Amino acid sequence: MKGKRKVKTKKWQVAEQFKAAAQAALRARSARANRFLDAALLAGRDLEPVGLLAGTGPRLSSHFTSAGDQ
């Protein structure tokens, strides 16, 4: 074997498309959305909600099933 065959990937192209879409979404934001997000950035992570307020808790519907349903 003379050398390794190069593998062609599209990950760089996909990354550029994602970056372009993100920049377009940022340009399309309203002034109110900009103020809201800027205030959130200034507050930092300490004031972010955690647990159920953040939406990362367990599903409540599984807690309310009866024993006969299982």
N, C-alpha and C. Protein backbone atom coordinates (compact mmCIF):
# COMPACT_ATOMS: atom_id res chain seq x y z
N MET A 1 0.84 -1.18 0.00
CA MET A 1 0.00 0.00 0.00
C MET A 1 0.88 1.24 0.00
N LYS A 2 0.54 2.16 -0.86
CA LYS A 2 1.32 3.39 -0.94
C LYS A 2 0.92 4.40 0.12
N GLY A 3 -0.32 4.45 0.47
CA GLY A 3 -0.77 5.43 1.44
C GLY A 3 -2.22 5.21 1.80
N LYS A 4 -2.65 5.95 2.79
CA LYS A 4 -4.04 5.82 3.22
C LYS A 4 -4.94 6.60 2.29
N ARG A 5 -6.09 6.07 2.04
CA ARG A 5 -7.08 6.74 1.22
C ARG A 5 -7.79 7.81 2.05
N LYS A 6 -7.92 8.99 1.51
CA LYS A 6 -8.59 10.06 2.23
C LYS A 6 -10.09 9.82 2.22
N VAL A 7 -10.69 10.05 3.34
CA VAL A 7 -12.13 9.89 3.47
C VAL A 7 -12.77 11.25 3.26
N LYS A 8 -13.73 11.30 2.35
CA LYS A 8 -14.42 12.56 2.09
C LYS A 8 -15.58 12.69 3.07
N THR A 9 -15.63 13.83 3.74
CA THR A 9 -16.72 14.08 4.68
C THR A 9 -17.39 15.40 4.33
N LYS A 10 -18.60 15.53 4.80
CA LYS A 10 -19.35 16.77 4.59
C LYS A 10 -19.48 17.56 5.88
N LYS A 11 -18.73 17.18 6.92
CA LYS A 11 -18.93 17.83 8.21
C LYS A 11 -18.56 19.31 8.16
N TRP A 12 -17.57 19.68 7.36
CA TRP A 12 -17.20 21.10 7.27
C TRP A 12 -18.28 21.88 6.54
N GLN A 13 -18.85 21.29 5.52
CA GLN A 13 -19.93 21.95 4.79
C GLN A 13 -21.17 22.09 5.67
N VAL A 14 -21.48 21.06 6.44
CA VAL A 14 -22.63 21.12 7.34
C VAL A 14 -22.40 22.17 8.42
N ALA A 15 -21.18 22.27 8.93
CA ALA A 15 -20.87 23.27 9.95
C ALA A 15 -21.03 24.68 9.40
N GLU A 16 -20.60 24.91 8.18
CA GLU A 16 -20.76 26.23 7.56
C GLU A 16 -22.23 26.56 7.32
N GLN A 17 -23.02 25.57 6.90
CA GLN A 17 -24.45 25.80 6.71
C GLN A 17 -25.13 26.12 8.04
N PHE A 18 -24.74 25.42 9.10
CA PHE A 18 -25.30 25.68 10.42
C PHE A 18 -24.94 27.08 10.89
N LYS A 19 -23.69 27.47 10.66
CA LYS A 19 -23.24 28.80 11.07
C LYS A 19 -24.00 29.89 10.30
N ALA A 20 -24.20 29.68 9.01
CA ALA A 20 -24.93 30.66 8.19
C ALA A 20 -26.39 30.76 8.64
N ALA A 21 -27.01 29.62 8.97
CA ALA A 21 -28.40 29.64 9.44
C ALA A 21 -28.51 30.34 10.79
N ALA A 22 -27.53 30.13 11.66
CA ALA A 22 -27.55 30.79 12.97
C ALA A 22 -27.38 32.29 12.83
N GLN A 23 -26.50 32.72 11.94
CA GLN A 23 -26.31 34.16 11.72
C GLN A 23 -27.57 34.79 11.13
N ALA A 24 -28.23 34.08 10.23
CA ALA A 24 -29.48 34.60 9.66
C ALA A 24 -30.56 34.71 10.72
N ALA A 25 -30.62 33.74 11.63
CA ALA A 25 -31.61 33.80 12.71
C ALA A 25 -31.32 34.95 13.66
N LEU A 26 -30.05 35.21 13.92
CA LEU A 26 -29.69 36.32 14.80
C LEU A 26 -30.04 37.66 14.16
N ARG A 27 -29.87 37.77 12.86
CA ARG A 27 -30.21 39.02 12.18
C ARG A 27 -31.72 39.25 12.17
N ALA A 28 -32.49 38.19 12.21
CA ALA A 28 -33.95 38.30 12.13
C ALA A 28 -34.60 38.57 13.49
N ARG A 29 -33.81 38.61 14.57
CA ARG A 29 -34.39 38.84 15.90
C ARG A 29 -34.91 40.26 16.03
N SER A 30 -35.96 40.40 16.81
CA SER A 30 -36.53 41.73 17.06
C SER A 30 -35.73 42.43 18.15
N ALA A 31 -35.98 43.72 18.32
CA ALA A 31 -35.29 44.49 19.36
C ALA A 31 -35.68 43.97 20.74
N ARG A 32 -36.93 43.57 20.91
CA ARG A 32 -37.38 43.04 22.20
C ARG A 32 -36.66 41.73 22.53
N ALA A 33 -36.50 40.87 21.55
CA ALA A 33 -35.79 39.62 21.78
C ALA A 33 -34.32 39.89 22.11
N ASN A 34 -33.73 40.88 21.46
CA ASN A 34 -32.35 41.23 21.76
C ASN A 34 -32.21 41.70 23.20
N ARG A 35 -33.13 42.53 23.67
CA ARG A 35 -33.06 43.02 25.05
C ARG A 35 -33.21 41.88 26.04
N PHE A 36 -34.13 40.97 25.76
CA PHE A 36 -34.36 39.84 26.66
C PHE A 36 -33.11 38.95 26.75
N LEU A 37 -32.52 38.63 25.61
CA LEU A 37 -31.35 37.76 25.62
C LEU A 37 -30.13 38.46 26.20
N ASP A 38 -30.00 39.76 25.96
CA ASP A 38 -28.88 40.51 26.56
C ASP A 38 -29.01 40.54 28.08
N ALA A 39 -30.21 40.71 28.59
CA ALA A 39 -30.42 40.70 30.04
C ALA A 39 -30.10 39.33 30.62
N ALA A 40 -30.45 38.28 29.91
CA ALA A 40 -30.15 36.93 30.38
C ALA A 40 -28.65 36.69 30.41
N LEU A 41 -27.93 37.22 29.42
CA LEU A 41 -26.47 37.06 29.41
C LEU A 41 -25.82 37.82 30.56
N LEU A 42 -26.34 38.99 30.88
CA LEU A 42 -25.77 39.78 31.98
C LEU A 42 -26.03 39.11 33.33
N ALA A 43 -27.17 38.47 33.50
CA ALA A 43 -27.51 37.84 34.77
C ALA A 43 -26.64 36.63 35.06
N GLY A 44 -26.24 35.92 34.03
CA GLY A 44 -25.38 34.75 34.22
C GLY A 44 -26.17 33.49 34.52
N ARG A 45 -25.43 32.42 34.75
CA ARG A 45 -26.06 31.11 34.96
C ARG A 45 -26.64 30.96 36.36
N ASP A 46 -26.24 31.80 37.30
CA ASP A 46 -26.73 31.67 38.67
C ASP A 46 -28.23 31.89 38.78
N LEU A 47 -28.79 32.70 37.91
CA LEU A 47 -30.22 33.01 37.97
C LEU A 47 -31.07 32.14 37.05
N GLU A 48 -30.45 31.19 36.37
CA GLU A 48 -31.22 30.32 35.48
C GLU A 48 -32.01 29.31 36.30
N PRO A 49 -33.21 28.95 35.86
CA PRO A 49 -34.00 27.96 36.59
C PRO A 49 -33.38 26.57 36.47
N VAL A 50 -33.62 25.76 37.49
CA VAL A 50 -33.11 24.39 37.49
C VAL A 50 -34.27 23.45 37.80
N GLY A 51 -34.07 22.18 37.55
CA GLY A 51 -35.07 21.17 37.88
C GLY A 51 -36.30 21.27 37.00
N LEU A 52 -37.47 21.18 37.63
CA LEU A 52 -38.73 21.19 36.87
C LEU A 52 -38.97 22.52 36.18
N LEU A 53 -38.49 23.63 36.76
CA LEU A 53 -38.67 24.92 36.12
C LEU A 53 -37.93 25.00 34.79
N ALA A 54 -36.81 24.31 34.70
CA ALA A 54 -36.04 24.31 33.47
C ALA A 54 -36.53 23.25 32.49
N GLY A 55 -37.41 22.38 32.93
CA GLY A 55 -37.95 21.36 32.04
C GLY A 55 -37.11 20.12 31.96
N THR A 56 -36.25 19.87 32.94
CA THR A 56 -35.38 18.70 32.88
C THR A 56 -35.78 17.62 33.87
N GLY A 57 -36.96 17.74 34.47
CA GLY A 57 -37.38 16.77 35.47
C GLY A 57 -37.98 15.53 34.83
N PRO A 58 -38.32 14.55 35.67
CA PRO A 58 -38.94 13.33 35.14
C PRO A 58 -40.36 13.62 34.67
N ARG A 59 -40.86 12.77 33.82
CA ARG A 59 -42.23 12.94 33.31
C ARG A 59 -43.21 12.61 34.42
N LEU A 60 -44.13 13.52 34.67
CA LEU A 60 -45.08 13.33 35.76
C LEU A 60 -46.12 12.27 35.44
N SER A 61 -46.40 12.03 34.19
CA SER A 61 -47.44 11.06 33.84
C SER A 61 -47.07 9.66 34.30
N SER A 62 -45.80 9.33 34.38
CA SER A 62 -45.39 8.00 34.81
C SER A 62 -45.61 7.81 36.31
N HIS A 63 -45.68 8.90 37.08
CA HIS A 63 -45.89 8.80 38.52
C HIS A 63 -47.36 8.57 38.87
N PHE A 64 -48.26 8.88 37.96
CA PHE A 64 -49.68 8.81 38.26
C PHE A 64 -50.34 7.55 37.70
N THR A 65 -49.57 6.62 37.21
CA THR A 65 -50.17 5.39 36.71
C THR A 65 -50.51 4.47 37.88
N SER A 66 -51.62 3.78 37.77
CA SER A 66 -52.02 2.88 38.86
C SER A 66 -51.31 1.54 38.71
N ALA A 67 -51.30 0.77 39.77
CA ALA A 67 -50.62 -0.52 39.76
C ALA A 67 -51.29 -1.50 38.80
N GLY A 68 -52.59 -1.35 38.58
CA GLY A 68 -53.31 -2.25 37.69
C GLY A 68 -53.00 -2.03 36.22
N ASP A 69 -52.49 -0.84 35.88
CA ASP A 69 -52.19 -0.54 34.48
C ASP A 69 -50.89 -1.18 34.00
N GLN A 70 -50.07 -1.60 34.92
CA GLN A 70 -48.74 -2.08 34.52
C GLN A 70 -48.75 -3.49 34.09
